[in-house]
Amino acid sequence: MADSVEINLGKGAVYPALVVGVIGSVIALLIKGKSGLIAGGFALLIVFIFFIIHLIISKISNNLDPIAVMGLALFSYFSKVLILGVFLLVIVNKISIENLDRPSFGAIAIAVTVAWLGGEVRAFLKLKLHMPLPKKKN
């Protein structure tokens, strides 16, 4: 049985993002010490949560009305931005600079995001989905 589109996209994106995140975390550990490693872990966690929510919403909205899909998409984007903002505020206000290196966090989060999107695009191109053609009018 073939996996769903979302599962294939997730598989194609998780591996490169995880590799980039682990490599970035190890580099940050070597350069900044424990604070760099913690920054890499948090960056991986945030990016994975953000994109996995996207894949779950995509799976849920597979057979919904287009208006409902738009509402669900807007709700998911709003909630992701809100959760991301709260998470970043907590990191800035509750975790000291000695325990979490901010530049490492940002760099690893950006690198993992680029790797996730690249893996997702690569996985999508490998799917070879066939789009339904419009019916001919007689």
Protein backbone atom coordinates (compact mmCIF):
# COMPACT_ATOMS: atom_id res chain seq x y z
CA MET A 1 0.00 0.00 0.00
CA ALA A 2 1.36 3.39 -0.97
CA ASP A 3 1.94 6.04 1.68
CA SER A 4 -0.04 9.25 1.53
CA VAL A 5 1.43 12.35 -0.07
CA GLU A 6 1.96 13.92 3.35
CA ILE A 7 3.85 10.88 4.67
CA ASN A 8 6.11 10.89 1.60
CA LEU A 9 6.74 14.63 1.94
CA GLY A 10 7.48 14.20 5.63
CA LYS A 11 9.90 11.34 5.02
CA GLY A 12 11.64 13.32 2.31
CA ALA A 13 11.99 16.36 4.55
CA VAL A 14 12.79 14.89 7.97
CA TYR A 15 16.03 13.15 7.03
CA PRO A 16 17.86 16.11 5.46
CA ALA A 17 16.59 18.47 8.16
CA LEU A 18 17.70 16.10 10.91
CA VAL A 19 21.15 15.67 9.35
CA VAL A 20 21.62 19.43 8.97
CA GLY A 21 20.35 20.02 12.52
CA VAL A 22 22.65 17.44 14.06
CA ILE A 23 25.67 18.69 12.10
CA GLY A 24 24.82 22.28 13.06
CA SER A 25 24.42 21.30 16.70
CA VAL A 26 27.77 19.51 16.74
CA ILE A 27 29.48 22.51 15.13
CA ALA A 28 27.80 24.83 17.65
CA LEU A 29 28.91 22.51 20.46
CA LEU A 30 32.51 22.67 19.24
CA ILE A 31 32.44 26.46 18.85
CA LYS A 32 30.18 27.63 21.70
CA GLY A 33 30.09 24.65 24.03
CA LYS A 34 27.00 23.40 25.82
CA SER A 35 25.00 26.55 25.02
CA GLY A 36 25.47 25.89 21.29
CA LEU A 37 24.26 22.32 21.64
CA ILE A 38 21.15 23.43 23.55
CA ALA A 39 20.51 26.09 20.90
CA GLY A 40 20.70 23.43 18.18
CA GLY A 41 18.28 21.20 20.03
CA PHE A 42 15.75 23.99 20.48
CA ALA A 43 16.11 25.05 16.84
CA LEU A 44 15.46 21.48 15.66
CA LEU A 45 12.44 21.19 17.93
CA ILE A 46 10.84 24.44 16.79
CA VAL A 47 11.33 23.82 13.08
CA PHE A 48 10.06 20.24 13.32
CA ILE A 49 6.95 21.29 15.26
CA PHE A 50 6.25 24.08 12.77
CA PHE A 51 6.47 21.87 9.69
CA ILE A 52 4.84 18.78 11.17
CA ILE A 53 1.78 20.87 12.06
CA HIS A 54 1.68 21.91 8.41
CA LEU A 55 1.73 18.28 7.22
CA ILE A 56 -0.99 17.29 9.71
CA ILE A 57 -3.25 20.14 8.58
CA SER A 58 -2.61 19.12 4.98
CA LYS A 59 -3.62 15.53 5.76
CA ILE A 60 -6.76 16.61 7.65
CA SER A 61 -7.90 18.94 4.88
CA ASN A 62 -7.47 16.40 2.07
CA ASN A 63 -11.16 16.02 1.21
CA LEU A 64 -12.62 19.22 2.64
CA ASP A 65 -14.42 22.02 0.87
CA PRO A 66 -11.95 24.65 -0.48
CA ILE A 67 -13.44 27.34 1.77
CA ALA A 68 -12.92 25.10 4.83
CA VAL A 69 -9.36 24.38 3.70
CA MET A 70 -8.66 28.11 3.46
CA GLY A 71 -10.06 28.69 6.95
CA LEU A 72 -8.07 25.79 8.34
CA ALA A 73 -4.90 27.02 6.63
CA LEU A 74 -5.34 30.54 7.99
CA PHE A 75 -6.03 29.19 11.47
CA SER A 76 -2.96 26.95 11.32
CA TYR A 77 -0.69 29.79 10.14
CA PHE A 78 -2.03 32.12 12.81
CA SER A 79 -1.62 29.51 15.53
CA LYS A 80 1.89 28.57 14.37
CA VAL A 81 3.01 32.20 14.37
CA LEU A 82 1.44 32.75 17.78
CA ILE A 83 3.02 29.60 19.26
CA LEU A 84 6.38 30.43 17.67
CA GLY A 85 6.23 33.97 19.08
CA VAL A 86 5.39 32.71 22.57
CA PHE A 87 8.14 30.10 22.38
CA LEU A 88 10.70 32.69 21.31
CA LEU A 89 9.59 35.08 24.07
CA VAL A 90 10.02 32.32 26.63
CA ILE A 91 13.47 31.52 25.27
CA VAL A 92 14.57 35.16 25.35
CA ASN A 93 13.13 35.94 28.79
CA LYS A 94 13.58 32.68 30.70
CA ILE A 95 16.76 31.11 29.33
CA SER A 96 19.99 32.98 29.91
CA ILE A 97 22.51 33.72 27.20
CA GLU A 98 25.03 31.49 28.98
CA ASN A 99 22.68 28.50 28.57
CA LEU A 100 21.49 29.11 25.00
CA ASP A 101 23.58 30.75 22.30
CA ARG A 102 21.23 33.00 20.31
CA PRO A 103 23.28 33.25 17.07
CA SER A 104 23.69 29.47 16.95
CA PHE A 105 19.95 29.05 17.51
CA GLY A 106 19.11 31.38 14.62
CA ALA A 107 21.66 29.94 12.22
CA ILE A 108 20.67 26.32 12.93
CA ALA A 109 16.95 27.13 12.71
CA ILE A 110 17.45 28.76 9.29
CA ALA A 111 19.65 25.91 8.05
CA VAL A 112 17.17 23.25 9.22
CA THR A 113 14.30 25.16 7.61
CA VAL A 114 16.13 25.34 4.28
CA ALA A 115 16.99 21.63 4.49
CA TRP A 116 13.37 20.73 5.34
CA LEU A 117 11.98 22.76 2.44
CA GLY A 118 14.59 21.37 0.04
CA GLY A 119 13.81 17.81 1.12
CA GLU A 120 10.09 18.45 0.79
CA VAL A 121 10.49 19.86 -2.72
CA ARG A 122 12.68 16.92 -3.72
CA ALA A 123 10.14 14.45 -2.32
CA PHE A 124 7.29 16.24 -4.10
CA LEU A 125 9.10 16.10 -7.44
CA LYS A 126 9.65 12.36 -6.98
CA LEU A 127 5.92 11.74 -6.36
CA LYS A 128 4.94 12.32 -10.00
CA LEU A 129 1.38 13.28 -9.12
CA HIS A 130 -1.11 13.47 -11.94
CA MET A 131 -3.36 16.47 -11.88
CA PRO A 132 -6.90 15.93 -13.14
CA LEU A 133 -7.58 17.65 -16.43
CA PRO A 134 -10.69 19.79 -16.80
CA LYS A 135 -13.56 18.11 -18.60
CA LYS A 136 -14.05 19.12 -22.19
CA LYS A 137 -17.11 21.19 -22.99
CA ASN A 138 -19.10 19.98 -25.96
